[in-house]
Amino acid sequence: MGQRQLRVNELVLRQLSESLHKKFRQESVAITLLEADVSPDLKNAQIYYSVIGNRTDVAAAARLLAKAKNFLRFELGRKVILKYTPELNFVYDPSPDRSQRLMQIFDEIQKEEDGKH
């Protein structure tokens, strides 16, 4: 994957995450967008996400993302200038490695916060 493709993936991921958490603040608190995989022709994007919680939380996140898909795509097209605005396909990633990594990051943040007080 080339540098341009990596930059596009990061930009798309950052913008989607920002739009999701700004518009759906309360409902999206347990959702983390992990990775964007935009096709080279920019017409499709797989967006991988994880959810902190149980199966009910995962199902609620899937419903929220399905409901928010058109809004998120619109916001992406408005804020990120690409030749095409990709169709978004949200994919739940239950990977324990990623979940564990996120928990480690949260623990580090908590330690830093505790050290400041």
Protein backbone atom coordinates (compact mmCIF):
# COMPACT_ATOMS: atom_id res chain seq x y z
CA MET A 1 0.00 0.00 0.00
CA GLY A 2 1.40 3.35 -1.00
CA GLN A 3 1.88 6.43 1.15
CA ARG A 4 -1.05 8.20 -0.50
CA GLN A 5 -3.38 5.30 0.30
CA LEU A 6 -2.21 5.26 3.92
CA ARG A 7 -2.82 9.01 4.25
CA VAL A 8 -6.29 8.69 2.73
CA ASN A 9 -7.13 5.86 5.14
CA GLU A 10 -5.97 7.89 8.14
CA LEU A 11 -7.79 11.02 7.01
CA VAL A 12 -11.04 9.12 6.43
CA LEU A 13 -10.76 7.37 9.79
CA ARG A 14 -10.07 10.60 11.66
CA GLN A 15 -12.94 12.48 10.03
CA LEU A 16 -15.46 9.67 10.52
CA SER A 17 -14.49 9.31 14.16
CA GLU A 18 -14.80 13.03 14.76
CA SER A 19 -18.19 13.26 13.04
CA LEU A 20 -19.53 10.17 14.82
CA HIS A 21 -18.50 11.29 18.27
CA LYS A 22 -19.62 14.88 17.75
CA LYS A 23 -23.11 14.16 16.37
CA PHE A 24 -23.86 10.96 18.34
CA ARG A 25 -21.97 11.83 21.51
CA GLN A 26 -24.04 9.82 23.99
CA GLU A 27 -24.69 6.76 21.81
CA SER A 28 -21.15 6.41 20.46
CA VAL A 29 -19.20 6.59 23.71
CA ALA A 30 -18.34 2.85 23.68
CA ILE A 31 -17.45 2.73 19.95
CA THR A 32 -13.90 3.03 18.70
CA LEU A 33 -13.20 3.28 14.99
CA LEU A 34 -10.02 1.29 14.55
CA GLU A 35 -9.10 1.31 10.90
CA ALA A 36 -10.27 2.52 7.51
CA ASP A 37 -9.48 0.56 4.38
CA VAL A 38 -10.42 2.70 1.40
CA SER A 39 -10.29 0.98 -1.98
CA PRO A 40 -7.71 2.35 -4.44
CA ASP A 41 -10.51 3.73 -6.67
CA LEU A 42 -11.94 5.57 -3.60
CA LYS A 43 -15.42 4.18 -4.19
CA ASN A 44 -15.66 1.87 -1.16
CA ALA A 45 -14.33 1.87 2.38
CA GLN A 46 -14.31 -0.80 5.06
CA ILE A 47 -14.40 0.82 8.48
CA TYR A 48 -13.40 -1.51 11.32
CA TYR A 49 -14.68 -0.76 14.79
CA SER A 50 -14.71 -2.22 18.26
CA VAL A 51 -17.14 -1.82 21.13
CA ILE A 52 -16.49 -1.80 24.84
CA GLY A 53 -19.21 -3.89 26.43
CA ASN A 54 -21.26 -7.01 25.90
CA ARG A 55 -23.22 -8.42 22.96
CA THR A 56 -26.08 -6.02 23.57
CA ASP A 57 -23.67 -3.08 23.30
CA VAL A 58 -22.22 -4.52 20.09
CA ALA A 59 -25.71 -4.86 18.59
CA ALA A 60 -26.59 -1.30 19.63
CA ALA A 61 -23.38 -0.03 18.02
CA ALA A 62 -24.17 -1.85 14.78
CA ARG A 63 -27.64 -0.27 14.71
CA LEU A 64 -26.21 3.18 15.41
CA LEU A 65 -23.60 2.90 12.66
CA ALA A 66 -26.21 1.65 10.18
CA LYS A 67 -28.44 4.60 11.11
CA ALA A 68 -25.55 7.08 10.93
CA LYS A 69 -23.98 5.76 7.72
CA ASN A 70 -25.54 8.31 5.34
CA PHE A 71 -24.86 11.22 7.68
CA LEU A 72 -21.23 10.13 8.14
CA ARG A 73 -20.72 9.74 4.40
CA PHE A 74 -22.22 13.19 3.80
CA GLU A 75 -19.96 14.76 6.44
CA LEU A 76 -16.94 12.94 5.00
CA GLY A 77 -17.72 14.30 1.52
CA ARG A 78 -18.19 17.79 2.92
CA LYS A 79 -14.99 17.91 4.96
CA VAL A 80 -12.56 15.73 3.00
CA ILE A 81 -12.00 16.50 -0.67
CA LEU A 82 -11.56 13.28 -2.62
CA LYS A 83 -12.40 12.38 -6.19
CA TYR A 84 -15.21 10.16 -4.86
CA THR A 85 -16.82 9.92 -1.45
CA PRO A 86 -16.58 6.22 -0.64
CA GLU A 87 -19.53 4.03 0.29
CA LEU A 88 -19.04 3.08 3.93
CA ASN A 89 -19.19 -0.49 5.17
CA PHE A 90 -18.81 -0.85 8.94
CA VAL A 91 -17.24 -4.12 10.11
CA TYR A 92 -17.16 -5.17 13.75
CA ASP A 93 -13.70 -6.34 14.82
CA PRO A 94 -13.85 -8.60 17.86
CA SER A 95 -10.10 -9.07 17.84
CA PRO A 96 -8.92 -9.63 21.40
CA ASP A 97 -5.52 -8.19 20.53
CA ARG A 98 -7.02 -4.84 19.60
CA SER A 99 -9.28 -4.83 22.64
CA GLN A 100 -6.35 -5.58 24.89
CA ARG A 101 -4.29 -2.85 23.25
CA LEU A 102 -7.10 -0.35 23.84
CA MET A 103 -7.34 -1.37 27.48
CA GLN A 104 -3.59 -0.84 27.86
CA ILE A 105 -3.92 2.64 26.36
CA PHE A 106 -6.78 3.44 28.75
CA ASP A 107 -4.68 2.18 31.69
CA GLU A 108 -1.75 4.39 30.60
CA ILE A 109 -4.02 7.41 30.31
CA GLN A 110 -5.45 6.70 33.75
CA LYS A 111 -1.93 6.44 35.24
CA GLU A 112 -0.96 9.74 33.63
CA GLU A 113 -4.12 11.39 34.97
CA ASP A 114 -3.46 9.98 38.46
CA GLY A 115 0.13 11.26 38.31
CA LYS A 116 -1.04 14.81 37.51
CA HIS A 117 -3.28 15.04 40.59
